Amino acid sequence: MESSFVIDEILINPKTGQEYTDVPATVAAKYLGVALNFVYEGLKKQKLPIGSAA
């Protein structure tokens, strides 16, 4: 199990040092501990409660 420090670190944009307002799919996959393709497909099929994609 990851510590909250690691999870908090994932949610910080390295370019700005601020929390993400729109989380990129790559960051969401890392945060959720799933494959990037899982996030892309889930968003395209509107099966994830975190957004949608075309």
PDB file of N, CA and C in Angstrom:
ATOM      1  N   MET A   1       0.848  -1.180   0.000  1.00  0.00           N
ATOM      2  CA  MET A   1       0.000   0.000   0.000  1.00  0.00           C
ATOM      3  C   MET A   1       0.889   1.237   0.000  1.00  0.00           C
ATOM      4  N   GLU A   2       0.566   2.188  -0.893  1.00  0.00           N
ATOM      5  CA  GLU A   2       1.360   3.400  -0.982  1.00  0.00           C
ATOM      6  C   GLU A   2       0.998   4.354   0.154  1.00  0.00           C
ATOM      7  N   SER A   3       1.994   5.100   0.575  1.00  0.00           N
ATOM      8  CA  SER A   3       1.722   6.097   1.612  1.00  0.00           C
ATOM      9  C   SER A   3       1.001   7.295   1.000  1.00  0.00           C
ATOM     10  N   SER A   4       0.362   8.083   1.841  1.00  0.00           N
ATOM     11  CA  SER A   4      -0.335   9.256   1.327  1.00  0.00           C
ATOM     12  C   SER A   4       0.642  10.264   0.741  1.00  0.00           C
ATOM     13  N   PHE A   5       1.904  10.268   1.200  1.00  0.00           N
ATOM     14  CA  PHE A   5       2.903  11.172   0.634  1.00  0.00           C
ATOM     15  C   PHE A   5       3.100  10.892  -0.840  1.00  0.00           C
ATOM     16  N   VAL A   6       3.212   9.630  -1.209  1.00  0.00           N
ATOM     17  CA  VAL A   6       3.408   9.260  -2.612  1.00  0.00           C
ATOM     18  C   VAL A   6       2.174   9.633  -3.423  1.00  0.00           C
ATOM     19  N   ILE A   7       0.998   9.379  -2.891  1.00  0.00           N
ATOM     20  CA  ILE A   7      -0.238   9.727  -3.585  1.00  0.00           C
ATOM     21  C   ILE A   7      -0.336  11.244  -3.751  1.00  0.00           C
ATOM     22  N   ASP A   8      -0.036  12.000  -2.705  1.00  0.00           N
ATOM     23  CA  ASP A   8      -0.061  13.452  -2.797  1.00  0.00           C
ATOM     24  C   ASP A   8       0.940  13.954  -3.834  1.00  0.00           C
ATOM     25  N   GLU A   9       2.092  13.320  -3.899  1.00  0.00           N
ATOM     26  CA  GLU A   9       3.128  13.697  -4.855  1.00  0.00           C
ATOM     27  C   GLU A   9       2.643  13.479  -6.285  1.00  0.00           C
ATOM     28  N   ILE A  10       1.898  12.424  -6.536  1.00  0.00           N
ATOM     29  CA  ILE A  10       1.377  12.121  -7.867  1.00  0.00           C
ATOM     30  C   ILE A  10       0.446  13.229  -8.342  1.00  0.00           C
ATOM     31  N   LEU A  11      -0.308  13.820  -7.422  1.00  0.00           N
ATOM     32  CA  LEU A  11      -1.321  14.811  -7.781  1.00  0.00           C
ATOM     33  C   LEU A  11      -0.775  16.231  -7.936  1.00  0.00           C
ATOM     34  N   ILE A  12       0.548  16.407  -7.863  1.00  0.00           N
ATOM     35  CA  ILE A  12       1.161  17.726  -8.016  1.00  0.00           C
ATOM     36  C   ILE A  12       1.762  17.836  -9.416  1.00  0.00           C
ATOM     37  N   ASN A  13       1.389  18.899 -10.114  1.00  0.00           N
ATOM     38  CA  ASN A  13       1.932  19.145 -11.440  1.00  0.00           C
ATOM     39  C   ASN A  13       3.390  19.570 -11.290  1.00  0.00           C
ATOM     40  N   PRO A  14       4.330  18.807 -11.867  1.00  0.00           N
ATOM     41  CA  PRO A  14       5.743  19.142 -11.688  1.00  0.00           C
ATOM     42  C   PRO A  14       6.146  20.468 -12.341  1.00  0.00           C
ATOM     43  N   LYS A  15       5.391  20.917 -13.338  1.00  0.00           N
ATOM     44  CA  LYS A  15       5.723  22.177 -14.009  1.00  0.00           C
ATOM     45  C   LYS A  15       5.328  23.392 -13.182  1.00  0.00           C
ATOM     46  N   THR A  16       4.213  23.292 -12.459  1.00  0.00           N
ATOM     47  CA  THR A  16       3.722  24.449 -11.711  1.00  0.00           C
ATOM     48  C   THR A  16       3.903  24.314 -10.201  1.00  0.00           C
ATOM     49  N   GLY A  17       4.052  23.076  -9.718  1.00  0.00           N
ATOM     50  CA  GLY A  17       4.146  22.841  -8.288  1.00  0.00           C
ATOM     51  C   GLY A  17       2.799  22.891  -7.589  1.00  0.00           C
ATOM     52  N   GLN A  18       1.728  23.032  -8.356  1.00  0.00           N
ATOM     53  CA  GLN A  18       0.367  23.105  -7.821  1.00  0.00           C
ATOM     54  C   GLN A  18      -0.372  21.802  -8.091  1.00  0.00           C
ATOM     55  N   GLU A  19      -1.477  21.576  -7.375  1.00  0.00           N
ATOM     56  CA  GLU A  19      -2.313  20.407  -7.663  1.00  0.00           C
ATOM     57  C   GLU A  19      -2.921  20.565  -9.040  1.00  0.00           C
ATOM     58  N   TYR A  20      -3.117  19.427  -9.711  1.00  0.00           N
ATOM     59  CA  TYR A  20      -3.775  19.448 -11.015  1.00  0.00           C
ATOM     60  C   TYR A  20      -5.223  19.887 -10.862  1.00  0.00           C
ATOM     61  N   THR A  21      -5.715  20.693 -11.802  1.00  0.00           N
ATOM     62  CA  THR A  21      -7.142  20.986 -11.870  1.00  0.00           C
ATOM     63  C   THR A  21      -7.798  20.049 -12.876  1.00  0.00           C
ATOM     64  N   ASP A  22      -7.102  19.764 -13.972  1.00  0.00           N
ATOM     65  CA  ASP A  22      -7.520  18.763 -14.951  1.00  0.00           C
ATOM     66  C   ASP A  22      -6.423  17.711 -14.983  1.00  0.00           C
ATOM     67  N   VAL A  23      -6.706  16.561 -14.423  1.00  0.00           N
ATOM     68  CA  VAL A  23      -5.693  15.516 -14.271  1.00  0.00           C
ATOM     69  C   VAL A  23      -5.495  14.783 -15.594  1.00  0.00           C
ATOM     70  N   PRO A  24      -4.255  14.723 -16.112  1.00  0.00           N
ATOM     71  CA  PRO A  24      -3.986  13.969 -17.334  1.00  0.00           C
ATOM     72  C   PRO A  24      -4.234  12.472 -17.117  1.00  0.00           C
ATOM     73  N   ALA A  25      -4.574  11.775 -18.181  1.00  0.00           N
ATOM     74  CA  ALA A  25      -4.846  10.337 -18.093  1.00  0.00           C
ATOM     75  C   ALA A  25      -3.656   9.575 -17.529  1.00  0.00           C
ATOM     76  N   THR A  26      -2.449   9.986 -17.858  1.00  0.00           N
ATOM     77  CA  THR A  26      -1.259   9.294 -17.347  1.00  0.00           C
ATOM     78  C   THR A  26      -1.166   9.404 -15.830  1.00  0.00           C
ATOM     79  N   VAL A  27      -1.505  10.560 -15.299  1.00  0.00           N
ATOM     80  CA  VAL A  27      -1.475  10.772 -13.852  1.00  0.00           C
ATOM     81  C   VAL A  27      -2.608   9.998 -13.193  1.00  0.00           C
ATOM     82  N   ALA A  28      -3.788  10.002 -13.807  1.00  0.00           N
ATOM     83  CA  ALA A  28      -4.925   9.253 -13.261  1.00  0.00           C
ATOM     84  C   ALA A  28      -4.599   7.766 -13.188  1.00  0.00           C
ATOM     85  N   ALA A  29      -3.970   7.229 -14.227  1.00  0.00           N
ATOM     86  CA  ALA A  29      -3.610   5.808 -14.239  1.00  0.00           C
ATOM     87  C   ALA A  29      -2.626   5.490 -13.125  1.00  0.00           C
ATOM     88  N   LYS A  30      -1.643   6.366 -12.935  1.00  0.00           N
ATOM     89  CA  LYS A  30      -0.652   6.144 -11.867  1.00  0.00           C
ATOM     90  C   LYS A  30      -1.322   6.226 -10.500  1.00  0.00           C
ATOM     91  N   TYR A  31      -2.197   7.209 -10.319  1.00  0.00           N
ATOM     92  CA  TYR A  31      -2.892   7.390  -9.045  1.00  0.00           C
ATOM     93  C   TYR A  31      -3.790   6.196  -8.726  1.00  0.00           C
ATOM     94  N   LEU A  32      -4.502   5.700  -9.751  1.00  0.00           N
ATOM     95  CA  LEU A  32      -5.407   4.567  -9.549  1.00  0.00           C
ATOM     96  C   LEU A  32      -4.688   3.223  -9.528  1.00  0.00           C
ATOM     97  N   GLY A  33      -3.435   3.202  -9.990  1.00  0.00           N
ATOM     98  CA  GLY A  33      -2.672   1.957 -10.013  1.00  0.00           C
ATOM     99  C   GLY A  33      -3.134   1.013 -11.105  1.00  0.00           C
ATOM    100  N   VAL A  34      -3.552   1.587 -12.242  1.00  0.00           N
ATOM    101  CA  VAL A  34      -4.034   0.785 -13.366  1.00  0.00           C
ATOM    102  C   VAL A  34      -3.255   1.159 -14.619  1.00  0.00           C
ATOM    103  N   ALA A  35      -3.430   0.371 -15.670  1.00  0.00           N
ATOM    104  CA  ALA A  35      -2.774   0.643 -16.945  1.00  0.00           C
ATOM    105  C   ALA A  35      -3.390   1.882 -17.598  1.00  0.00           C
ATOM    106  N   LEU A  36      -2.579   2.616 -18.321  1.00  0.00           N
ATOM    107  CA  LEU A  36      -3.044   3.807 -19.023  1.00  0.00           C
ATOM    108  C   LEU A  36      -4.172   3.465 -19.994  1.00  0.00           C
ATOM    109  N   ASN A  37      -4.051   2.335 -20.667  1.00  0.00           N
ATOM    110  CA  ASN A  37      -5.087   1.914 -21.606  1.00  0.00           C
ATOM    111  C   ASN A  37      -6.434   1.717 -20.909  1.00  0.00           C
ATOM    112  N   PHE A  38      -6.417   1.240 -19.676  1.00  0.00           N
ATOM    113  CA  PHE A  38      -7.648   1.079 -18.904  1.00  0.00           C
ATOM    114  C   PHE A  38      -8.350   2.424 -18.735  1.00  0.00           C
ATOM    115  N   VAL A  39      -7.585   3.451 -18.428  1.00  0.00           N
ATOM    116  CA  VAL A  39      -8.163   4.781 -18.253  1.00  0.00           C
ATOM    117  C   VAL A  39      -8.717   5.303 -19.570  1.00  0.00           C
ATOM    118  N   TYR A  40      -7.928   5.191 -20.651  1.00  0.00           N
ATOM    119  CA  TYR A  40      -8.388   5.669 -21.959  1.00  0.00           C
ATOM    120  C   TYR A  40      -9.679   4.968 -22.387  1.00  0.00           C
ATOM    121  N   GLU A  41      -9.693   3.652 -22.295  1.00  0.00           N
ATOM    122  CA  GLU A  41     -10.879   2.898 -22.719  1.00  0.00           C
ATOM    123  C   GLU A  41     -12.083   3.189 -21.829  1.00  0.00           C
ATOM    124  N   GLY A  42     -11.862   3.295 -20.536  1.00  0.00           N
ATOM    125  CA  GLY A  42     -12.950   3.612 -19.614  1.00  0.00           C
ATOM    126  C   GLY A  42     -13.542   4.980 -19.876  1.00  0.00           C
ATOM    127  N   LEU A  43     -12.688   5.952 -20.215  1.00  0.00           N
ATOM    128  CA  LEU A  43     -13.179   7.286 -20.536  1.00  0.00           C
ATOM    129  C   LEU A  43     -13.943   7.297 -21.857  1.00  0.00           C
ATOM    130  N   LYS A  44     -13.411   6.585 -22.848  1.00  0.00           N
ATOM    131  CA  LYS A  44     -14.092   6.538 -24.154  1.00  0.00           C
ATOM    132  C   LYS A  44     -15.459   5.885 -24.057  1.00  0.00           C
ATOM    133  N   LYS A  45     -15.550   4.844 -23.236  1.00  0.00           N
ATOM    134  CA  LYS A  45     -16.820   4.118 -23.083  1.00  0.00           C
ATOM    135  C   LYS A  45     -17.712   4.745 -22.018  1.00  0.00           C
ATOM    136  N   GLN A  46     -17.260   5.839 -21.424  1.00  0.00           N
ATOM    137  CA  GLN A  46     -17.968   6.551 -20.362  1.00  0.00           C
ATOM    138  C   GLN A  46     -18.337   5.626 -19.208  1.00  0.00           C
ATOM    139  N   LYS A  47     -17.402   4.751 -18.841  1.00  0.00           N
ATOM    140  CA  LYS A  47     -17.600   3.810 -17.736  1.00  0.00           C
ATOM    141  C   LYS A  47     -16.921   4.277 -16.454  1.00  0.00           C
ATOM    142  N   LEU A  48     -16.110   5.306 -16.538  1.00  0.00           N
ATOM    143  CA  LEU A  48     -15.420   5.819 -15.353  1.00  0.00           C
ATOM    144  C   LEU A  48     -16.099   7.101 -14.894  1.00  0.00           C
ATOM    145  N   PRO A  49     -16.276   7.278 -13.596  1.00  0.00           N
ATOM    146  CA  PRO A  49     -16.943   8.479 -13.095  1.00  0.00           C
ATOM    147  C   PRO A  49     -16.008   9.689 -12.981  1.00  0.00           C
ATOM    148  N   ILE A  50     -14.943   9.699 -13.794  1.00  0.00           N
ATOM    149  CA  ILE A  50     -13.975  10.788 -13.698  1.00  0.00           C
ATOM    150  C   ILE A  50     -13.926  11.649 -14.951  1.00  0.00           C
ATOM    151  N   GLY A  51     -14.780  11.388 -15.912  1.00  0.00           N
ATOM    152  CA  GLY A  51     -14.778  12.196 -17.128  1.00  0.00           C
ATOM    153  C   GLY A  51     -15.113  11.360 -18.345  1.00  0.00           C
ATOM    154  N   SER A  52     -14.832  11.925 -19.516  1.00  0.00           N
ATOM    155  CA  SER A  52     -15.089  11.212 -20.761  1.00  0.00           C
ATOM    156  C   SER A  52     -14.058  11.643 -21.793  1.00  0.00           C
ATOM    157  N   ALA A  53     -13.966  10.888 -22.862  1.00  0.00           N
ATOM    158  CA  ALA A  53     -13.014  11.184 -23.943  1.00  0.00           C
ATOM    159  C   ALA A  53     -13.613  10.717 -25.259  1.00  0.00           C
ATOM    160  N   ALA A  54     -13.107  11.294 -26.321  1.00  0.00           N
ATOM    161  CA  ALA A  54     -13.578  10.908 -27.659  1.00  0.00           C
ATOM    162  C   ALA A  54     -12.497  10.133 -28.376  1.00  0.00           C
TER     163      ALA A  54
END
